[in-house]
């Protein structure tokens, strides 16, 4: 199967955009590191007010940090818009 240039799924000119929920936890941070190392555009979803050192490290490495309330379906939908893939490394919601 081939894809025409400019088609909806043509990613030849841009990296995949991966939305990662839970990027500041141990597993999520490891996933983010692997994705960034492979050239993916990482959109890290974090809880509002998250001050973990991982937030600054991810930002320094080029990840887009998006604060989102994980109980707000509309906010999550907006945060995931246009992504190639969504990965959740959340350990649970309160």
PDB file of N, CA and C in Angstrom:
ATOM      1  N   UNK A   1       0.841  -1.172   0.000  1.00  0.00           N
ATOM      2  CA  UNK A   1       0.000   0.000   0.000  1.00  0.00           C
ATOM      3  C   UNK A   1       0.890   1.240   0.000  1.00  0.00           C
ATOM      4  N   UNK A   2       0.627   2.162  -0.870  1.00  0.00           N
ATOM      5  CA  UNK A   2       1.406   3.394  -0.940  1.00  0.00           C
ATOM      6  C   UNK A   2       0.536   4.566  -0.515  1.00  0.00           C
ATOM      7  N   UNK A   3       1.199   5.640  -0.143  1.00  0.00           N
ATOM      8  CA  UNK A   3       0.496   6.849   0.253  1.00  0.00           C
ATOM      9  C   UNK A   3       0.928   7.986  -0.644  1.00  0.00           C
ATOM     10  N   UNK A   4      -0.022   8.791  -1.045  1.00  0.00           N
ATOM     11  CA  UNK A   4       0.295   9.946  -1.863  1.00  0.00           C
ATOM     12  C   UNK A   4       0.780  11.079  -0.968  1.00  0.00           C
ATOM     13  N   UNK A   5       1.727  11.859  -1.461  1.00  0.00           N
ATOM     14  CA  UNK A   5       2.203  13.022  -0.721  1.00  0.00           C
ATOM     15  C   UNK A   5       1.022  13.936  -0.442  1.00  0.00           C
ATOM     16  N   UNK A   6       0.967  14.443   0.769  1.00  0.00           N
ATOM     17  CA  UNK A   6      -0.112  15.343   1.134  1.00  0.00           C
ATOM     18  C   UNK A   6      -1.361  14.637   1.616  1.00  0.00           C
ATOM     19  N   UNK A   7      -1.367  13.302   1.601  1.00  0.00           N
ATOM     20  CA  UNK A   7      -2.546  12.594   2.085  1.00  0.00           C
ATOM     21  C   UNK A   7      -2.644  12.747   3.592  1.00  0.00           C
ATOM     22  N   UNK A   8      -3.787  12.439   4.152  1.00  0.00           N
ATOM     23  CA  UNK A   8      -4.040  12.598   5.576  1.00  0.00           C
ATOM     24  C   UNK A   8      -3.019  11.859   6.433  1.00  0.00           C
ATOM     25  N   UNK A   9      -2.527  10.727   5.973  1.00  0.00           N
ATOM     26  CA  UNK A   9      -1.618   9.908   6.759  1.00  0.00           C
ATOM     27  C   UNK A   9      -0.170  10.000   6.295  1.00  0.00           C
ATOM     28  N   UNK A  10       0.155  10.971   5.477  1.00  0.00           N
ATOM     29  CA  UNK A  10       1.528  11.138   4.998  1.00  0.00           C
ATOM     30  C   UNK A  10       2.353  11.796   6.098  1.00  0.00           C
ATOM     31  N   UNK A  11       3.321  11.064   6.653  1.00  0.00           N
ATOM     32  CA  UNK A  11       4.157  11.600   7.724  1.00  0.00           C
ATOM     33  C   UNK A  11       5.609  11.720   7.295  1.00  0.00           C
ATOM     34  N   UNK A  12       5.865  11.699   5.987  1.00  0.00           N
ATOM     35  CA  UNK A  12       7.237  11.709   5.500  1.00  0.00           C
ATOM     36  C   UNK A  12       7.979  13.000   5.827  1.00  0.00           C
ATOM     37  N   UNK A  13       7.257  14.109   5.989  1.00  0.00           N
ATOM     38  CA  UNK A  13       7.914  15.388   6.231  1.00  0.00           C
ATOM     39  C   UNK A  13       7.831  15.857   7.678  1.00  0.00           C
ATOM     40  N   UNK A  14       7.171  15.109   8.533  1.00  0.00           N
ATOM     41  CA  UNK A  14       7.052  15.532   9.921  1.00  0.00           C
ATOM     42  C   UNK A  14       7.076  14.309  10.829  1.00  0.00           C
ATOM     43  N   UNK A  15       7.591  14.502  12.048  1.00  0.00           N
ATOM     44  CA  UNK A  15       7.634  13.366  12.971  1.00  0.00           C
ATOM     45  C   UNK A  15       6.237  13.020  13.472  1.00  0.00           C
ATOM     46  N   UNK A  16       6.079  11.793  13.913  1.00  0.00           N
ATOM     47  CA  UNK A  16       4.817  11.377  14.508  1.00  0.00           C
ATOM     48  C   UNK A  16       4.586  12.180  15.782  1.00  0.00           C
ATOM     49  N   UNK A  17       3.345  12.587  16.011  1.00  0.00           N
ATOM     50  CA  UNK A  17       2.997  13.273  17.250  1.00  0.00           C
ATOM     51  C   UNK A  17       2.358  12.260  18.185  1.00  0.00           C
ATOM     52  N   UNK A  18       3.011  12.037  19.309  1.00  0.00           N
ATOM     53  CA  UNK A  18       2.539  11.068  20.281  1.00  0.00           C
ATOM     54  C   UNK A  18       2.098  11.806  21.533  1.00  0.00           C
ATOM     55  N   UNK A  19       0.848  11.604  21.926  1.00  0.00           N
ATOM     56  CA  UNK A  19       0.349  12.149  23.178  1.00  0.00           C
ATOM     57  C   UNK A  19       0.638  11.114  24.251  1.00  0.00           C
ATOM     58  N   UNK A  20       1.258  11.557  25.337  1.00  0.00           N
ATOM     59  CA  UNK A  20       1.636  10.650  26.417  1.00  0.00           C
ATOM     60  C   UNK A  20       1.079  11.160  27.738  1.00  0.00           C
ATOM     61  N   UNK A  21       0.131  10.427  28.283  1.00  0.00           N
ATOM     62  CA  UNK A  21      -0.420  10.742  29.599  1.00  0.00           C
ATOM     63  C   UNK A  21       0.397   9.998  30.644  1.00  0.00           C
ATOM     64  N   UNK A  22       0.775  10.691  31.695  1.00  0.00           N
ATOM     65  CA  UNK A  22       1.581  10.059  32.733  1.00  0.00           C
ATOM     66  C   UNK A  22       3.069  10.137  32.473  1.00  0.00           C
ATOM     67  N   UNK A  23       3.494  11.128  31.725  1.00  0.00           N
ATOM     68  CA  UNK A  23       4.898  11.237  31.310  1.00  0.00           C
ATOM     69  C   UNK A  23       5.855  11.571  32.447  1.00  0.00           C
ATOM     70  N   UNK A  24       5.343  12.002  33.593  1.00  0.00           N
ATOM     71  CA  UNK A  24       6.240  12.357  34.694  1.00  0.00           C
ATOM     72  C   UNK A  24       6.460  11.213  35.676  1.00  0.00           C
ATOM     73  N   UNK A  25       5.766  10.117  35.494  1.00  0.00           N
ATOM     74  CA  UNK A  25       5.993   8.943  36.338  1.00  0.00           C
ATOM     75  C   UNK A  25       7.184   8.148  35.820  1.00  0.00           C
ATOM     76  N   UNK A  26       7.563   7.122  36.549  1.00  0.00           N
ATOM     77  CA  UNK A  26       8.732   6.326  36.161  1.00  0.00           C
ATOM     78  C   UNK A  26       8.566   5.712  34.772  1.00  0.00           C
ATOM     79  N   UNK A  27       7.501   4.959  34.567  1.00  0.00           N
ATOM     80  CA  UNK A  27       7.292   4.313  33.268  1.00  0.00           C
ATOM     81  C   UNK A  27       7.056   5.347  32.172  1.00  0.00           C
ATOM     82  N   UNK A  28       6.202   6.329  32.441  1.00  0.00           N
ATOM     83  CA  UNK A  28       5.907   7.352  31.447  1.00  0.00           C
ATOM     84  C   UNK A  28       7.135   8.132  31.017  1.00  0.00           C
ATOM     85  N   UNK A  29       8.002   8.454  31.976  1.00  0.00           N
ATOM     86  CA  UNK A  29       9.225   9.191  31.649  1.00  0.00           C
ATOM     87  C   UNK A  29      10.128   8.343  30.758  1.00  0.00           C
ATOM     88  N   UNK A  30      10.213   7.052  31.041  1.00  0.00           N
ATOM     89  CA  UNK A  30      11.022   6.156  30.200  1.00  0.00           C
ATOM     90  C   UNK A  30      10.452   6.067  28.781  1.00  0.00           C
ATOM     91  N   UNK A  31       9.133   6.012  28.687  1.00  0.00           N
ATOM     92  CA  UNK A  31       8.487   5.986  27.367  1.00  0.00           C
ATOM     93  C   UNK A  31       8.793   7.286  26.624  1.00  0.00           C
ATOM     94  N   UNK A  32       8.663   8.416  27.314  1.00  0.00           N
ATOM     95  CA  UNK A  32       8.941   9.719  26.695  1.00  0.00           C
ATOM     96  C   UNK A  32      10.374   9.788  26.189  1.00  0.00           C
ATOM     97  N   UNK A  33      11.321   9.321  26.988  1.00  0.00           N
ATOM     98  CA  UNK A  33      12.727   9.335  26.586  1.00  0.00           C
ATOM     99  C   UNK A  33      12.937   8.512  25.315  1.00  0.00           C
ATOM    100  N   UNK A  34      12.319   7.349  25.259  1.00  0.00           N
ATOM    101  CA  UNK A  34      12.463   6.493  24.077  1.00  0.00           C
ATOM    102  C   UNK A  34      11.857   7.155  22.842  1.00  0.00           C
ATOM    103  N   UNK A  35      10.682   7.754  23.001  1.00  0.00           N
ATOM    104  CA  UNK A  35      10.028   8.413  21.865  1.00  0.00           C
ATOM    105  C   UNK A  35      10.830   9.615  21.380  1.00  0.00           C
ATOM    106  N   UNK A  36      11.284  10.442  22.309  1.00  0.00           N
ATOM    107  CA  UNK A  36      12.083  11.611  21.931  1.00  0.00           C
ATOM    108  C   UNK A  36      13.383  11.180  21.264  1.00  0.00           C
ATOM    109  N   UNK A  37      13.966  10.099  21.746  1.00  0.00           N
ATOM    110  CA  UNK A  37      15.198   9.576  21.160  1.00  0.00           C
ATOM    111  C   UNK A  37      15.017   9.083  19.739  1.00  0.00           C
ATOM    112  N   UNK A  38      13.785   8.721  19.396  1.00  0.00           N
ATOM    113  CA  UNK A  38      13.478   8.261  18.036  1.00  0.00           C
ATOM    114  C   UNK A  38      12.960   9.387  17.152  1.00  0.00           C
ATOM    115  N   UNK A  39      12.946  10.598  17.685  1.00  0.00           N
ATOM    116  CA  UNK A  39      12.545  11.747  16.880  1.00  0.00           C
ATOM    117  C   UNK A  39      11.063  12.049  16.863  1.00  0.00           C
ATOM    118  N   UNK A  40      10.303  11.411  17.736  1.00  0.00           N
ATOM    119  CA  UNK A  40       8.865  11.687  17.784  1.00  0.00           C
ATOM    120  C   UNK A  40       8.614  13.041  18.436  1.00  0.00           C
ATOM    121  N   UNK A  41       7.538  13.667  18.039  1.00  0.00           N
ATOM    122  CA  UNK A  41       7.076  14.884  18.701  1.00  0.00           C
ATOM    123  C   UNK A  41       6.191  14.426  19.853  1.00  0.00           C
ATOM    124  N   UNK A  42       6.638  14.659  21.073  1.00  0.00           N
ATOM    125  CA  UNK A  42       5.913  14.184  22.248  1.00  0.00           C
ATOM    126  C   UNK A  42       5.108  15.322  22.859  1.00  0.00           C
ATOM    127  N   UNK A  43       3.833  15.060  23.060  1.00  0.00           N
ATOM    128  CA  UNK A  43       2.932  15.988  23.742  1.00  0.00           C
ATOM    129  C   UNK A  43       2.616  15.335  25.092  1.00  0.00           C
ATOM    130  N   UNK A  44       3.275  15.798  26.145  1.00  0.00           N
ATOM    131  CA  UNK A  44       3.142  15.193  27.469  1.00  0.00           C
ATOM    132  C   UNK A  44       1.988  15.834  28.231  1.00  0.00           C
ATOM    133  N   UNK A  45       1.009  15.028  28.586  1.00  0.00           N
ATOM    134  CA  UNK A  45      -0.121  15.521  29.361  1.00  0.00           C
ATOM    135  C   UNK A  45       0.208  15.374  30.841  1.00  0.00           C
ATOM    136  N   UNK A  46       0.109  16.481  31.569  1.00  0.00           N
ATOM    137  CA  UNK A  46       0.406  16.473  33.004  1.00  0.00           C
ATOM    138  C   UNK A  46      -0.742  17.136  33.756  1.00  0.00           C
ATOM    139  N   UNK A  47      -0.874  16.770  35.013  1.00  0.00           N
ATOM    140  CA  UNK A  47      -1.906  17.378  35.849  1.00  0.00           C
ATOM    141  C   UNK A  47      -1.554  18.847  36.110  1.00  0.00           C
ATOM    142  N   UNK A  48      -2.563  19.719  36.208  1.00  0.00           N
ATOM    143  CA  UNK A  48      -2.307  21.140  36.493  1.00  0.00           C
ATOM    144  C   UNK A  48      -1.490  21.305  37.775  1.00  0.00           C
ATOM    145  N   UNK A  49      -0.490  22.168  37.724  1.00  0.00           N
ATOM    146  CA  UNK A  49       0.341  22.441  38.886  1.00  0.00           C
ATOM    147  C   UNK A  49       1.433  21.425  39.147  1.00  0.00           C
ATOM    148  N   UNK A  50       1.628  20.476  38.235  1.00  0.00           N
ATOM    149  CA  UNK A  50       2.665  19.455  38.413  1.00  0.00           C
ATOM    150  C   UNK A  50       4.033  20.131  38.428  1.00  0.00           C
ATOM    151  N   UNK A  51       4.773  19.950  39.517  1.00  0.00           N
ATOM    152  CA  UNK A  51       6.092  20.578  39.655  1.00  0.00           C
ATOM    153  C   UNK A  51       7.215  19.547  39.720  1.00  0.00           C
ATOM    154  N   UNK A  52       6.940  18.327  39.299  1.00  0.00           N
ATOM    155  CA  UNK A  52       7.982  17.298  39.313  1.00  0.00           C
ATOM    156  C   UNK A  52       9.141  17.715  38.409  1.00  0.00           C
ATOM    157  N   UNK A  53      10.367  17.371  38.786  1.00  0.00           N
ATOM    158  CA  UNK A  53      11.529  17.696  37.947  1.00  0.00           C
ATOM    159  C   UNK A  53      11.409  17.140  36.525  1.00  0.00           C
ATOM    160  N   UNK A  54      10.665  16.066  36.364  1.00  0.00           N
ATOM    161  CA  UNK A  54      10.506  15.467  35.035  1.00  0.00           C
ATOM    162  C   UNK A  54       9.855  16.436  34.053  1.00  0.00           C
ATOM    163  N   UNK A  55       8.991  17.326  34.545  1.00  0.00           N
ATOM    164  CA  UNK A  55       8.333  18.296  33.662  1.00  0.00           C
ATOM    165  C   UNK A  55       9.383  19.182  32.997  1.00  0.00           C
ATOM    166  N   UNK A  56      10.291  19.731  33.778  1.00  0.00           N
ATOM    167  CA  UNK A  56      11.339  20.597  33.229  1.00  0.00           C
ATOM    168  C   UNK A  56      12.264  19.818  32.304  1.00  0.00           C
ATOM    169  N   UNK A  57      12.605  18.596  32.679  1.00  0.00           N
ATOM    170  CA  UNK A  57      13.490  17.780  31.838  1.00  0.00           C
ATOM    171  C   UNK A  57      12.848  17.486  30.491  1.00  0.00           C
ATOM    172  N   UNK A  58      11.570  17.127  30.506  1.00  0.00           N
ATOM    173  CA  UNK A  58      10.879  16.834  29.247  1.00  0.00           C
ATOM    174  C   UNK A  58      10.801  18.080  28.370  1.00  0.00           C
ATOM    175  N   UNK A  59      10.498  19.210  28.985  1.00  0.00           N
ATOM    176  CA  UNK A  59      10.421  20.471  28.229  1.00  0.00           C
ATOM    177  C   UNK A  59      11.776  20.794  27.594  1.00  0.00           C
ATOM    178  N   UNK A  60      12.863  20.630  28.360  1.00  0.00           N
ATOM    179  CA  UNK A  60      14.217  20.888  27.851  1.00  0.00           C
ATOM    180  C   UNK A  60      14.555  19.992  26.666  1.00  0.00           C
ATOM    181  N   UNK A  61      14.012  18.786  26.658  1.00  0.00           N
ATOM    182  CA  UNK A  61      14.296  17.826  25.593  1.00  0.00           C
ATOM    183  C   UNK A  61      13.366  17.989  24.395  1.00  0.00           C
ATOM    184  N   UNK A  62      12.460  18.958  24.471  1.00  0.00           N
ATOM    185  CA  UNK A  62      11.624  19.259  23.322  1.00  0.00           C
ATOM    186  C   UNK A  62      10.192  18.778  23.390  1.00  0.00           C
ATOM    187  N   UNK A  63       9.797  18.168  24.493  1.00  0.00           N
ATOM    188  CA  UNK A  63       8.405  17.731  24.620  1.00  0.00           C
ATOM    189  C   UNK A  63       7.516  18.943  24.876  1.00  0.00           C
ATOM    190  N   UNK A  64       6.327  18.906  24.314  1.00  0.00           N
ATOM    191  CA  UNK A  64       5.331  19.931  24.604  1.00  0.00           C
ATOM    192  C   UNK A  64       4.606  19.504  25.876  1.00  0.00           C
ATOM    193  N   UNK A  65       4.576  20.359  26.880  1.00  0.00           N
ATOM    194  CA  UNK A  65       3.936  20.046  28.151  1.00  0.00           C
ATOM    195  C   UNK A  65       2.539  20.665  28.142  1.00  0.00           C
ATOM    196  N   UNK A  66       1.531  19.820  28.295  1.00  0.00           N
ATOM    197  CA  UNK A  66       0.147  20.272  28.279  1.00  0.00           C
ATOM    198  C   UNK A  66      -0.490  19.925  29.619  1.00  0.00           C
ATOM    199  N   UNK A  67      -0.889  20.943  30.380  1.00  0.00           N
ATOM    200  CA  UNK A  67      -1.594  20.694  31.634  1.00  0.00           C
ATOM    201  C   UNK A  67      -3.051  20.400  31.312  1.00  0.00           C
ATOM    202  N   UNK A  68      -3.559  19.306  31.873  1.00  0.00           N
ATOM    203  CA  UNK A  68      -4.933  18.910  31.585  1.00  0.00           C
ATOM    204  C   UNK A  68      -5.539  18.213  32.801  1.00  0.00           C
ATOM    205  N   UNK A  69      -6.816  18.468  33.018  1.00  0.00           N
ATOM    206  CA  UNK A  69      -7.575  17.779  34.059  1.00  0.00           C
ATOM    207  C   UNK A  69      -8.039  16.457  33.450  1.00  0.00           C
ATOM    208  N   UNK A  70      -7.521  15.350  33.967  1.00  0.00           N
ATOM    209  CA  UNK A  70      -7.815  14.044  33.378  1.00  0.00           C
ATOM    210  C   UNK A  70      -9.266  13.606  33.557  1.00  0.00           C
ATOM    211  N   UNK A  71     -10.038  14.340  34.345  1.00  0.00           N
ATOM    212  CA  UNK A  71     -11.459  14.017  34.483  1.00  0.00           C
ATOM    213  C   UNK A  71     -12.325  14.852  33.538  1.00  0.00           C
ATOM    214  N   UNK A  72     -11.702  15.696  32.724  1.00  0.00           N
ATOM    215  CA  UNK A  72     -12.408  16.568  31.782  1.00  0.00           C
ATOM    216  C   UNK A  72     -12.285  16.002  30.369  1.00  0.00           C
ATOM    217  N   UNK A  73     -13.326  15.310  29.926  1.00  0.00           N
ATOM    218  CA  UNK A  73     -13.296  14.640  28.620  1.00  0.00           C
ATOM    219  C   UNK A  73     -13.060  15.623  27.474  1.00  0.00           C
ATOM    220  N   UNK A  74     -13.661  16.801  27.547  1.00  0.00           N
ATOM    221  CA  UNK A  74     -13.492  17.783  26.471  1.00  0.00           C
ATOM    222  C   UNK A  74     -12.043  18.268  26.402  1.00  0.00           C
ATOM    223  N   UNK A  75     -11.425  18.497  27.558  1.00  0.00           N
ATOM    224  CA  UNK A  75     -10.029  18.943  27.588  1.00  0.00           C
ATOM    225  C   UNK A  75      -9.105  17.856  27.060  1.00  0.00           C
ATOM    226  N   UNK A  76      -9.380  16.604  27.411  1.00  0.00           N
ATOM    227  CA  UNK A  76      -8.569  15.491  26.909  1.00  0.00           C
ATOM    228  C   UNK A  76      -8.709  15.347  25.401  1.00  0.00           C
ATOM    229  N   UNK A  77      -9.929  15.497  24.910  1.00  0.00           N
ATOM    230  CA  UNK A  77     -10.168  15.410  23.469  1.00  0.00           C
ATOM    231  C   UNK A  77      -9.370  16.476  22.733  1.00  0.00           C
ATOM    232  N   UNK A  78      -9.388  17.683  23.243  1.00  0.00           N
ATOM    233  CA  UNK A  78      -8.642  18.785  22.630  1.00  0.00           C
ATOM    234  C   UNK A  78      -7.139  18.526  22.690  1.00  0.00           C
ATOM    235  N   UNK A  79      -6.653  18.031  23.822  1.00  0.00           N
ATOM    236  CA  UNK A  79      -5.218  17.771  23.984  1.00  0.00           C
ATOM    237  C   UNK A  79      -4.724  16.675  23.045  1.00  0.00           C
ATOM    238  N   UNK A  80      -5.607  15.758  22.676  1.00  0.00           N
ATOM    239  CA  UNK A  80      -5.224  14.636  21.812  1.00  0.00           C
ATOM    240  C   UNK A  80      -5.459  14.906  20.328  1.00  0.00           C
ATOM    241  N   UNK A  81      -6.101  16.018  20.007  1.00  0.00           N
ATOM    242  CA  UNK A  81      -6.436  16.325  18.615  1.00  0.00           C
ATOM    243  C   UNK A  81      -5.192  16.363  17.736  1.00  0.00           C
ATOM    244  N   UNK A  82      -5.270  15.693  16.602  1.00  0.00           N
ATOM    245  CA  UNK A  82      -4.194  15.705  15.622  1.00  0.00           C
ATOM    246  C   UNK A  82      -3.044  14.764  15.911  1.00  0.00           C
ATOM    247  N   UNK A  83      -3.118  14.035  16.996  1.00  0.00           N
ATOM    248  CA  UNK A  83      -2.028  13.118  17.348  1.00  0.00           C
ATOM    249  C   UNK A  83      -2.052  11.867  16.485  1.00  0.00           C
ATOM    250  N   UNK A  84      -0.880  11.298  16.284  1.00  0.00           N
ATOM    251  CA  UNK A  84      -0.748  10.036  15.570  1.00  0.00           C
ATOM    252  C   UNK A  84      -1.156   8.881  16.468  1.00  0.00           C
ATOM    253  N   UNK A  85      -0.844   9.011  17.765  1.00  0.00           N
ATOM    254  CA  UNK A  85      -1.079   7.935  18.722  1.00  0.00           C
ATOM    255  C   UNK A  85      -1.216   8.533  20.113  1.00  0.00           C
ATOM    256  N   UNK A  86      -2.006   7.877  20.959  1.00  0.00           N
ATOM    257  CA  UNK A  86      -2.135   8.271  22.357  1.00  0.00           C
ATOM    258  C   UNK A  86      -1.689   7.099  23.219  1.00  0.00           C
ATOM    259  N   UNK A  87      -0.791   7.381  24.170  1.00  0.00           N
ATOM    260  CA  UNK A  87      -0.277   6.357  25.080  1.00  0.00           C
ATOM    261  C   UNK A  87      -0.593   6.798  26.502  1.00  0.00           C
ATOM    262  N   UNK A  88      -1.132   5.887  27.312  1.00  0.00           N
ATOM    263  CA  UNK A  88      -1.385   6.197  28.710  1.00  0.00           C
ATOM    264  C   UNK A  88      -0.485   5.369  29.607  1.00  0.00           C
ATOM    265  N   UNK A  89       0.281   6.073  30.435  1.00  0.00           N
ATOM    266  CA  UNK A  89       1.103   5.423  31.453  1.00  0.00           C
ATOM    267  C   UNK A  89       0.621   5.863  32.834  1.00  0.00           C
ATOM    268  N   UNK A  90      -0.644   6.246  32.914  1.00  0.00           N
ATOM    269  CA  UNK A  90      -1.217   6.664  34.189  1.00  0.00           C
ATOM    270  C   UNK A  90      -1.364   5.455  35.102  1.00  0.00           C
ATOM    271  N   UNK A  91      -1.080   5.661  36.375  1.00  0.00           N
ATOM    272  CA  UNK A  91      -1.198   4.555  37.319  1.00  0.00           C
ATOM    273  C   UNK A  91      -2.570   4.510  37.965  1.00  0.00           C
ATOM    274  N   UNK A  92      -3.400   5.449  37.658  1.00  0.00           N
ATOM    275  CA  UNK A  92      -4.754   5.469  38.205  1.00  0.00           C
ATOM    276  C   UNK A  92      -5.228   6.892  38.371  1.00  0.00           C
ATOM    277  N   UNK A  93      -6.510   7.038  38.429  1.00  0.00           N
ATOM    278  CA  UNK A  93      -7.103   8.361  38.602  1.00  0.00           C
ATOM    279  C   UNK A  93      -7.785   8.417  39.952  1.00  0.00           C
ATOM    280  N   UNK A  94      -7.702   9.558  40.581  1.00  0.00           N
ATOM    281  CA  UNK A  94      -8.350   9.741  41.889  1.00  0.00           C
ATOM    282  C   UNK A  94      -9.720  10.304  41.702  1.00  0.00           C
TER     283      UNK A  94
END
